[in-house]
N, C-alpha and C. Protein backbone atom coordinates (compact mmCIF):
# COMPACT_ATOMS: atom_id res chain seq x y z
N MET A 1 -17.30 17.57 -181.95
CA MET A 1 -18.42 18.47 -181.79
C MET A 1 -19.36 17.91 -180.73
N ALA A 2 -19.89 18.77 -179.92
CA ALA A 2 -20.85 18.37 -178.89
C ALA A 2 -22.20 18.06 -179.53
N ASP A 3 -22.89 17.09 -178.96
CA ASP A 3 -24.20 16.69 -179.48
C ASP A 3 -25.22 16.63 -178.36
N ARG A 4 -26.47 16.92 -178.70
CA ARG A 4 -27.58 16.77 -177.76
C ARG A 4 -27.89 15.29 -177.58
N LEU A 5 -28.25 14.93 -176.39
CA LEU A 5 -28.70 13.57 -176.12
C LEU A 5 -30.18 13.63 -175.82
N SER A 6 -30.93 12.75 -176.37
CA SER A 6 -32.37 12.71 -176.10
C SER A 6 -32.60 12.46 -174.62
N LEU A 7 -33.39 13.31 -173.99
CA LEU A 7 -33.69 13.11 -172.58
C LEU A 7 -34.43 11.80 -172.36
N GLY A 8 -35.12 11.33 -173.39
CA GLY A 8 -35.82 10.05 -173.27
C GLY A 8 -34.88 8.90 -173.01
N THR A 9 -33.63 9.03 -173.48
CA THR A 9 -32.64 7.98 -173.25
C THR A 9 -32.43 7.75 -171.76
N TYR A 10 -32.54 8.80 -170.99
CA TYR A 10 -32.30 8.71 -169.55
C TYR A 10 -33.56 8.98 -168.73
N ALA A 11 -34.72 8.80 -169.33
CA ALA A 11 -35.98 9.11 -168.64
C ALA A 11 -36.11 8.35 -167.32
N GLU A 12 -35.78 7.07 -167.33
CA GLU A 12 -35.92 6.28 -166.10
C GLU A 12 -34.93 6.73 -165.04
N VAL A 13 -33.70 7.01 -165.46
CA VAL A 13 -32.67 7.47 -164.52
C VAL A 13 -33.08 8.82 -163.94
N LEU A 14 -33.53 9.73 -164.80
CA LEU A 14 -33.96 11.05 -164.33
C LEU A 14 -35.14 10.94 -163.38
N ALA A 15 -36.10 10.10 -163.72
CA ALA A 15 -37.27 9.93 -162.86
C ALA A 15 -36.86 9.42 -161.48
N ASN A 16 -35.91 8.51 -161.44
CA ASN A 16 -35.43 7.98 -160.17
C ASN A 16 -34.72 9.06 -159.35
N LEU A 17 -33.85 9.83 -160.00
CA LEU A 17 -33.13 10.90 -159.28
C LEU A 17 -34.10 11.98 -158.79
N ILE A 18 -35.06 12.34 -159.63
CA ILE A 18 -36.04 13.35 -159.25
C ILE A 18 -36.87 12.88 -158.08
N ALA A 19 -37.28 11.62 -158.10
CA ALA A 19 -38.07 11.08 -156.99
C ALA A 19 -37.27 11.09 -155.69
N ARG A 20 -36.01 10.71 -155.76
CA ARG A 20 -35.16 10.72 -154.56
C ARG A 20 -34.99 12.14 -154.03
N ALA A 21 -34.76 13.09 -154.94
CA ALA A 21 -34.57 14.48 -154.53
C ALA A 21 -35.84 15.03 -153.89
N ALA A 22 -36.97 14.77 -154.50
CA ALA A 22 -38.25 15.27 -153.97
C ALA A 22 -38.55 14.68 -152.61
N SER A 23 -38.28 13.38 -152.44
CA SER A 23 -38.57 12.75 -151.15
C SER A 23 -37.64 13.26 -150.06
N ALA A 24 -36.48 13.80 -150.45
CA ALA A 24 -35.55 14.36 -149.48
C ALA A 24 -35.84 15.85 -149.23
N GLY A 25 -36.86 16.39 -149.89
CA GLY A 25 -37.26 17.76 -149.66
C GLY A 25 -36.58 18.80 -150.53
N PHE A 26 -35.88 18.39 -151.57
CA PHE A 26 -35.23 19.34 -152.45
C PHE A 26 -36.22 19.90 -153.46
N ARG A 27 -36.07 21.15 -153.78
CA ARG A 27 -36.84 21.76 -154.86
C ARG A 27 -36.24 21.22 -156.16
N VAL A 28 -37.00 20.43 -156.84
CA VAL A 28 -36.48 19.73 -158.01
C VAL A 28 -36.45 20.65 -159.21
N THR A 29 -35.29 20.69 -159.85
CA THR A 29 -35.09 21.45 -161.08
C THR A 29 -34.97 20.44 -162.20
N SER A 30 -35.68 20.66 -163.26
CA SER A 30 -35.62 19.70 -164.36
C SER A 30 -34.33 19.87 -165.14
N VAL A 31 -33.93 18.80 -165.78
CA VAL A 31 -32.77 18.83 -166.67
C VAL A 31 -33.28 19.36 -168.01
N THR A 32 -32.70 20.47 -168.44
CA THR A 32 -33.10 21.09 -169.69
C THR A 32 -32.58 20.31 -170.88
N GLY A 33 -31.34 19.83 -170.74
CA GLY A 33 -30.73 19.07 -171.83
C GLY A 33 -29.46 18.41 -171.37
N ILE A 34 -28.97 17.49 -172.18
CA ILE A 34 -27.73 16.77 -171.90
C ILE A 34 -26.87 16.88 -173.14
N SER A 35 -25.63 17.29 -172.95
CA SER A 35 -24.69 17.42 -174.06
C SER A 35 -23.57 16.38 -173.87
N LEU A 36 -23.32 15.61 -174.91
CA LEU A 36 -22.23 14.64 -174.91
C LEU A 36 -21.12 15.13 -175.83
N GLY A 37 -19.88 14.92 -175.43
CA GLY A 37 -18.75 15.29 -176.26
C GLY A 37 -18.32 16.73 -176.12
N GLY A 38 -18.85 17.43 -175.16
CA GLY A 38 -18.47 18.82 -174.93
C GLY A 38 -19.62 19.61 -174.32
N CYS A 39 -19.44 20.90 -174.28
CA CYS A 39 -20.41 21.79 -173.63
C CYS A 39 -21.56 22.13 -174.58
N VAL A 40 -22.73 22.35 -174.01
CA VAL A 40 -23.91 22.74 -174.78
C VAL A 40 -23.61 23.98 -175.62
N GLU A 41 -22.74 24.83 -175.15
CA GLU A 41 -22.42 26.05 -175.89
C GLU A 41 -21.79 25.76 -177.25
N ALA A 42 -21.28 24.53 -177.46
CA ALA A 42 -20.64 24.17 -178.72
C ALA A 42 -21.55 23.41 -179.67
N ILE A 43 -22.76 23.08 -179.23
CA ILE A 43 -23.68 22.36 -180.11
C ILE A 43 -23.95 23.19 -181.36
N ASP A 44 -23.95 22.53 -182.48
CA ASP A 44 -24.18 23.16 -183.79
C ASP A 44 -23.05 24.08 -184.20
N THR A 45 -21.87 23.89 -183.61
CA THR A 45 -20.67 24.61 -184.02
C THR A 45 -19.60 23.56 -184.31
N PRO A 46 -18.54 23.92 -185.03
CA PRO A 46 -17.49 22.94 -185.31
C PRO A 46 -16.57 22.68 -184.11
N ARG A 47 -16.68 23.49 -183.07
CA ARG A 47 -15.79 23.29 -181.93
C ARG A 47 -16.41 22.33 -180.92
N ARG A 48 -15.59 21.81 -180.04
CA ARG A 48 -16.05 20.81 -179.09
C ARG A 48 -16.59 21.45 -177.81
N GLY A 49 -16.18 22.65 -177.51
CA GLY A 49 -16.62 23.26 -176.27
C GLY A 49 -15.97 22.58 -175.08
N ALA A 50 -14.67 22.35 -175.19
CA ALA A 50 -13.95 21.60 -174.17
C ALA A 50 -13.89 22.35 -172.86
N PHE A 51 -13.77 21.59 -171.81
CA PHE A 51 -13.59 22.13 -170.47
C PHE A 51 -12.66 21.19 -169.73
N ARG A 52 -12.17 21.59 -168.57
CA ARG A 52 -11.11 20.83 -167.90
C ARG A 52 -11.58 19.59 -167.17
N ARG A 53 -12.80 19.52 -166.78
CA ARG A 53 -13.27 18.37 -166.01
C ARG A 53 -14.05 17.41 -166.90
N ARG A 54 -14.40 16.24 -166.33
CA ARG A 54 -15.15 15.25 -167.11
C ARG A 54 -16.57 15.69 -167.42
N ALA A 55 -17.10 16.58 -166.58
CA ALA A 55 -18.49 17.00 -166.75
C ALA A 55 -18.73 18.29 -165.97
N HIS A 56 -19.81 18.96 -166.29
CA HIS A 56 -20.24 20.10 -165.49
C HIS A 56 -21.73 20.33 -165.70
N ALA A 57 -22.30 21.05 -164.76
CA ALA A 57 -23.72 21.41 -164.83
C ALA A 57 -23.81 22.92 -164.96
N HIS A 58 -24.72 23.38 -165.78
CA HIS A 58 -25.01 24.81 -165.87
C HIS A 58 -26.03 25.10 -164.77
N ASN A 59 -25.53 25.56 -163.63
CA ASN A 59 -26.41 25.71 -162.46
C ASN A 59 -26.49 27.13 -161.93
N ASP A 60 -26.11 28.09 -162.73
CA ASP A 60 -26.31 29.49 -162.37
C ASP A 60 -27.61 29.93 -163.04
N ARG A 61 -28.57 30.35 -162.25
CA ARG A 61 -29.89 30.68 -162.80
C ARG A 61 -29.85 31.80 -163.85
N ARG A 62 -28.78 32.58 -163.87
CA ARG A 62 -28.65 33.64 -164.88
C ARG A 62 -28.10 33.11 -166.20
N ASP A 63 -27.59 31.88 -166.19
CA ASP A 63 -27.00 31.26 -167.38
C ASP A 63 -28.13 30.90 -168.35
N PRO A 64 -28.04 31.29 -169.61
CA PRO A 64 -29.08 30.93 -170.57
C PRO A 64 -29.18 29.42 -170.79
N HIS A 65 -28.16 28.68 -170.38
CA HIS A 65 -28.17 27.22 -170.52
C HIS A 65 -28.44 26.54 -169.18
N PHE A 66 -29.06 27.27 -168.24
CA PHE A 66 -29.36 26.69 -166.93
C PHE A 66 -30.12 25.38 -167.10
N GLY A 67 -29.70 24.36 -166.37
CA GLY A 67 -30.36 23.06 -166.41
C GLY A 67 -29.69 22.06 -167.33
N TRP A 68 -28.70 22.49 -168.08
CA TRP A 68 -27.98 21.57 -168.96
C TRP A 68 -26.89 20.85 -168.19
N LEU A 69 -26.70 19.57 -168.51
CA LEU A 69 -25.60 18.77 -167.99
C LEU A 69 -24.70 18.46 -169.17
N CYS A 70 -23.41 18.75 -169.05
CA CYS A 70 -22.47 18.58 -170.15
C CYS A 70 -21.39 17.57 -169.76
N PHE A 71 -21.13 16.64 -170.66
CA PHE A 71 -20.16 15.57 -170.42
C PHE A 71 -19.16 15.54 -171.56
N LEU A 72 -17.87 15.44 -171.23
CA LEU A 72 -16.85 15.37 -172.26
C LEU A 72 -16.93 14.07 -173.04
N SER A 73 -17.22 13.00 -172.36
CA SER A 73 -17.27 11.69 -173.01
C SER A 73 -18.44 11.62 -173.99
N THR A 74 -18.24 10.85 -175.04
CA THR A 74 -19.33 10.57 -175.97
C THR A 74 -19.86 9.16 -175.76
N GLU A 75 -19.30 8.44 -174.78
CA GLU A 75 -19.70 7.07 -174.51
C GLU A 75 -20.83 7.05 -173.49
N LEU A 76 -21.97 6.55 -173.90
CA LEU A 76 -23.13 6.52 -173.01
C LEU A 76 -22.84 5.71 -171.74
N GLY A 77 -22.03 4.68 -171.85
CA GLY A 77 -21.69 3.84 -170.70
C GLY A 77 -20.93 4.58 -169.61
N ARG A 78 -20.35 5.72 -169.94
CA ARG A 78 -19.66 6.51 -168.92
C ARG A 78 -20.65 7.20 -168.00
N LEU A 79 -21.87 7.43 -168.49
CA LEU A 79 -22.88 8.10 -167.69
C LEU A 79 -23.72 7.12 -166.90
N ILE A 80 -24.10 6.04 -167.56
CA ILE A 80 -24.92 5.02 -166.91
C ILE A 80 -24.33 3.67 -167.28
N THR A 81 -23.90 2.93 -166.26
CA THR A 81 -23.30 1.63 -166.51
C THR A 81 -24.37 0.59 -166.78
N LEU A 82 -23.95 -0.57 -167.23
CA LEU A 82 -24.89 -1.66 -167.49
C LEU A 82 -25.64 -2.05 -166.22
N ALA A 83 -24.99 -1.85 -165.06
CA ALA A 83 -25.63 -2.18 -163.79
C ALA A 83 -26.56 -1.05 -163.32
N GLY A 84 -26.67 0.01 -164.12
CA GLY A 84 -27.57 1.10 -163.77
C GLY A 84 -26.96 2.14 -162.83
N ARG A 85 -25.67 2.07 -162.59
CA ARG A 85 -25.02 3.06 -161.72
C ARG A 85 -24.88 4.37 -162.47
N THR A 86 -25.11 5.47 -161.79
CA THR A 86 -25.14 6.77 -162.43
C THR A 86 -24.36 7.82 -161.64
N ALA A 87 -23.26 7.46 -161.05
CA ALA A 87 -22.56 8.38 -160.14
C ALA A 87 -22.23 9.72 -160.77
N LEU A 88 -21.65 9.73 -161.96
CA LEU A 88 -21.28 11.00 -162.60
C LEU A 88 -22.54 11.80 -162.94
N PHE A 89 -23.54 11.14 -163.46
CA PHE A 89 -24.80 11.78 -163.79
C PHE A 89 -25.44 12.38 -162.53
N ALA A 90 -25.47 11.59 -161.45
CA ALA A 90 -26.05 12.06 -160.18
C ALA A 90 -25.24 13.22 -159.61
N HIS A 91 -23.92 13.15 -159.74
CA HIS A 91 -23.04 14.21 -159.26
C HIS A 91 -23.43 15.54 -159.90
N GLU A 92 -23.62 15.52 -161.22
CA GLU A 92 -23.96 16.76 -161.93
C GLU A 92 -25.40 17.18 -161.65
N PHE A 93 -26.31 16.24 -161.55
CA PHE A 93 -27.70 16.57 -161.22
C PHE A 93 -27.78 17.23 -159.85
N ALA A 94 -26.95 16.79 -158.92
CA ALA A 94 -26.93 17.38 -157.58
C ALA A 94 -26.56 18.86 -157.65
N HIS A 95 -25.74 19.25 -158.62
CA HIS A 95 -25.40 20.67 -158.79
C HIS A 95 -26.65 21.48 -159.16
N LEU A 96 -27.59 20.88 -159.89
CA LEU A 96 -28.83 21.58 -160.22
C LEU A 96 -29.72 21.73 -158.99
N LEU A 97 -29.63 20.77 -158.07
CA LEU A 97 -30.43 20.84 -156.84
C LEU A 97 -29.88 21.85 -155.85
N ALA A 98 -28.59 22.15 -155.98
CA ALA A 98 -27.93 23.08 -155.06
C ALA A 98 -27.17 24.13 -155.87
N PRO A 99 -27.88 24.97 -156.64
CA PRO A 99 -27.20 25.92 -157.52
C PRO A 99 -26.29 26.87 -156.75
N GLY A 100 -25.14 27.09 -157.36
CA GLY A 100 -24.20 28.05 -156.79
C GLY A 100 -23.46 27.59 -155.55
N SER A 101 -23.59 26.33 -155.17
CA SER A 101 -22.94 25.89 -153.93
C SER A 101 -21.64 25.13 -154.17
N GLY A 102 -21.25 24.97 -155.42
CA GLY A 102 -20.02 24.22 -155.69
C GLY A 102 -20.12 22.83 -155.10
N HIS A 103 -19.09 22.43 -154.39
CA HIS A 103 -19.10 21.14 -153.70
C HIS A 103 -19.27 21.35 -152.20
N GLY A 104 -20.01 22.39 -151.85
CA GLY A 104 -20.24 22.73 -150.45
C GLY A 104 -21.28 21.84 -149.78
N GLU A 105 -21.71 22.27 -148.61
CA GLU A 105 -22.61 21.47 -147.79
C GLU A 105 -23.95 21.18 -148.48
N ARG A 106 -24.55 22.17 -149.12
CA ARG A 106 -25.83 21.93 -149.80
C ARG A 106 -25.69 20.89 -150.89
N TRP A 107 -24.60 20.96 -151.67
CA TRP A 107 -24.37 19.98 -152.72
C TRP A 107 -24.13 18.60 -152.11
N ARG A 108 -23.35 18.52 -151.03
CA ARG A 108 -23.10 17.23 -150.39
C ARG A 108 -24.39 16.60 -149.88
N ARG A 109 -25.29 17.41 -149.33
CA ARG A 109 -26.59 16.88 -148.90
C ARG A 109 -27.38 16.36 -150.10
N ALA A 110 -27.33 17.09 -151.21
CA ALA A 110 -28.08 16.70 -152.40
C ALA A 110 -27.55 15.38 -152.97
N VAL A 111 -26.26 15.26 -153.15
CA VAL A 111 -25.71 14.05 -153.76
C VAL A 111 -25.90 12.85 -152.83
N THR A 112 -25.88 13.08 -151.54
CA THR A 112 -26.15 12.00 -150.59
C THR A 112 -27.61 11.56 -150.69
N ALA A 113 -28.53 12.52 -150.80
CA ALA A 113 -29.95 12.20 -150.94
C ALA A 113 -30.23 11.42 -152.22
N LEU A 114 -29.41 11.62 -153.23
CA LEU A 114 -29.58 10.91 -154.49
C LEU A 114 -29.05 9.49 -154.42
N GLY A 115 -28.40 9.16 -153.30
CA GLY A 115 -27.91 7.80 -153.12
C GLY A 115 -26.44 7.60 -153.38
N TYR A 116 -25.68 8.68 -153.41
CA TYR A 116 -24.24 8.60 -153.69
C TYR A 116 -23.43 9.28 -152.60
N PRO A 117 -23.51 8.78 -151.36
CA PRO A 117 -22.80 9.44 -150.26
C PRO A 117 -21.29 9.47 -150.44
N ALA A 118 -20.72 8.51 -151.17
CA ALA A 118 -19.28 8.50 -151.38
C ALA A 118 -18.84 9.73 -152.16
N GLN A 119 -19.72 10.26 -153.02
CA GLN A 119 -19.40 11.46 -153.79
C GLN A 119 -19.24 12.67 -152.86
N ALA A 120 -19.93 12.64 -151.72
CA ALA A 120 -19.96 13.78 -150.83
C ALA A 120 -18.78 13.85 -149.87
N ARG A 121 -17.98 12.80 -149.81
CA ARG A 121 -16.84 12.81 -148.88
C ARG A 121 -15.82 13.83 -149.33
N ARG A 122 -15.31 14.54 -148.37
CA ARG A 122 -14.26 15.51 -148.68
C ARG A 122 -12.96 14.79 -148.97
N PRO A 123 -12.19 15.28 -149.95
CA PRO A 123 -10.92 14.62 -150.27
C PRO A 123 -9.91 14.75 -149.14
């Protein structure tokens, strides 16, 4: 079952990403919530709300869950390592900065501004 994660757990990480985004000129969108173990749509239900990728962001402004970041893993260390690295978290946050752009140019600029240029390289 998917569970809510307290935003306070990642307050410092979020503050850092928001500051980087703002200094790069992005219109900062707040994170509404974080779901671990599945999609926010499955919270308070017996299902997991599985999806095919490791994580996703609800970044369509028409989505009632806009601003949520959902992670399949339930391990906090997958989101933020002991060394403070947050690549997966930053990857999904960049989707909130560039809604509807997929992994296009706007998203690549956003993830680079957050300090993760390797994420922006095309495969």
